[in-house]
Protein backbone atom coordinates (compact mmCIF):
# COMPACT_ATOMS: atom_id res chain seq x y z
CA VAL A 1 -29.09 -59.36 7.74
CA GLN A 2 -29.37 -59.00 11.51
CA LEU A 3 -26.59 -59.46 14.03
CA VAL A 4 -27.07 -60.71 17.57
CA GLU A 5 -24.20 -60.05 19.96
CA SER A 6 -23.66 -61.47 23.40
CA GLY A 7 -21.00 -62.01 26.03
CA GLY A 8 -20.17 -58.55 27.30
CA GLY A 9 -20.03 -57.71 30.97
CA LEU A 10 -17.88 -56.71 33.91
CA VAL A 11 -14.59 -58.44 34.62
CA GLN A 12 -11.52 -57.73 36.69
CA ALA A 13 -8.22 -56.89 35.07
CA GLY A 14 -6.45 -60.07 34.01
CA GLY A 15 -9.71 -61.88 33.47
CA SER A 16 -11.36 -63.20 30.32
CA LEU A 17 -14.55 -62.74 28.38
CA ARG A 18 -15.89 -64.32 25.22
CA LEU A 19 -18.05 -62.34 22.83
CA SER A 20 -20.19 -63.95 20.17
CA CYS A 21 -21.94 -62.53 17.14
CA ALA A 22 -24.45 -64.44 15.05
CA ALA A 23 -25.61 -63.26 11.64
CA SER A 24 -29.08 -64.22 10.54
CA GLN A 25 -29.43 -66.42 7.50
CA ASN A 26 -29.77 -64.52 4.25
CA PRO A 27 -29.06 -65.19 0.56
CA PHE A 28 -25.97 -62.99 0.29
CA ILE A 29 -22.43 -64.24 0.65
CA ILE A 30 -20.64 -63.13 3.79
CA ASN A 31 -17.16 -61.92 2.88
CA GLY A 32 -15.92 -61.07 6.34
CA MET A 33 -16.91 -60.40 9.92
CA GLY A 34 -15.19 -58.75 12.82
CA TRP A 35 -15.25 -56.52 15.85
CA TYR A 36 -14.68 -52.85 16.46
CA ARG A 37 -14.77 -51.06 19.77
CA GLN A 38 -15.55 -47.54 20.82
CA THR A 39 -15.19 -45.45 23.96
CA PRO A 40 -16.97 -42.14 24.61
CA GLY A 41 -15.40 -39.33 22.62
CA SER A 42 -13.28 -41.66 20.52
CA GLN A 43 -13.56 -43.07 17.04
CA ARG A 44 -14.52 -46.64 16.51
CA GLU A 45 -11.38 -48.77 16.13
CA LEU A 46 -10.86 -52.19 14.60
CA VAL A 47 -10.16 -54.93 17.13
CA ALA A 48 -10.15 -58.08 15.02
CA ALA A 49 -11.44 -59.35 11.72
CA ILE A 50 -11.77 -62.72 10.04
CA ALA A 51 -12.39 -63.75 6.45
CA MET A 52 -15.37 -66.02 5.99
CA ASP A 53 -13.95 -67.78 2.94
CA GLY A 54 -11.71 -70.80 2.99
CA SER A 55 -8.66 -68.77 3.98
CA GLN A 56 -10.03 -67.78 7.39
CA MET A 57 -7.42 -65.02 7.42
CA THR A 58 -7.42 -62.94 10.56
CA ARG A 59 -6.06 -59.57 11.57
CA TYR A 60 -5.80 -57.79 14.88
CA SER A 61 -5.04 -54.38 16.20
CA ASP A 62 -1.61 -54.14 17.77
CA SER A 63 -3.17 -53.42 21.15
CA VAL A 64 -4.85 -56.84 21.37
CA LYS A 65 -2.42 -59.13 19.55
CA GLY A 66 -1.49 -62.10 21.67
CA ARG A 67 -4.42 -61.55 24.03
CA PHE A 68 -7.53 -61.72 21.82
CA THR A 69 -8.46 -64.48 19.39
CA ILE A 70 -11.15 -64.25 16.76
CA SER A 71 -12.70 -67.44 15.42
CA ARG A 72 -15.73 -68.47 13.43
CA ASP A 73 -18.32 -71.13 12.95
CA GLY A 74 -19.02 -70.79 9.26
CA ASP A 75 -21.97 -73.15 9.27
CA LYS A 76 -23.72 -70.89 11.75
CA ASN A 77 -22.45 -67.54 10.41
CA THR A 78 -21.17 -66.88 13.90
CA ILE A 79 -17.93 -65.39 15.12
CA TYR A 80 -16.36 -65.31 18.52
CA LEU A 81 -13.87 -63.04 20.22
CA GLN A 82 -11.99 -64.67 23.05
CA MET A 83 -10.48 -61.92 25.18
CA ASN A 84 -7.82 -62.89 27.69
CA SER A 85 -5.58 -60.87 29.99
CA LEU A 86 -8.04 -58.03 29.87
CA LYS A 87 -6.90 -54.55 30.80
CA PRO A 88 -8.90 -51.53 31.95
CA GLU A 89 -8.11 -49.87 28.62
CA ASP A 90 -10.02 -52.65 26.87
CA SER A 91 -13.22 -51.25 28.37
CA ALA A 92 -15.49 -50.15 25.53
CA VAL A 93 -18.62 -50.93 23.61
CA TYR A 94 -17.75 -53.72 21.20
CA TYR A 95 -19.54 -53.76 17.86
CA CYS A 96 -19.76 -56.72 15.57
CA TYR A 97 -20.03 -56.20 11.82
CA VAL A 98 -20.63 -58.30 8.73
CA ASP A 99 -19.48 -57.47 5.21
CA GLN A 100 -21.75 -58.53 2.38
CA GLU A 101 -22.92 -56.23 -0.38
CA ARG A 102 -22.61 -53.60 2.34
CA ARG A 103 -21.45 -53.48 5.95
CA THR A 104 -24.00 -54.10 8.68
CA TRP A 105 -23.37 -53.37 12.36
CA GLY A 106 -24.61 -55.02 15.50
CA GLN A 107 -26.13 -53.14 18.41
CA GLY A 108 -22.97 -53.30 20.51
CA THR A 109 -22.13 -55.01 23.78
CA LEU A 110 -20.47 -53.30 26.73
CA VAL A 111 -17.23 -54.64 28.15
CA THR A 112 -16.00 -53.15 31.41
CA VAL A 113 -12.67 -54.13 32.90
CA SER A 114 -12.08 -53.00 36.46
CA SER A 115 -8.61 -52.38 37.83
């Protein structure tokens, strides 16, 4: 499977960005998808995740709850991350992942929030 991410960029604090991640078609069932982020010198941390089954269960890190929303288009194997009220500390490289028989990562997209 291949992942194509888009939507990163530069935004002022308080602004919004929308990330998207599309998984290529393949014969394996997608169990879940989500986003991590990473800053230089830090470990990659979970931002948001969504189940790709009928439950569509979501989970978020405490730092983004109430500001970020993850959603999906199951027909297109695509997920979105709507990021509102962005803060400078949200600046990071955001990585999409897909869970099938193993986890596959996207190439990452840079989000920079200026103060």
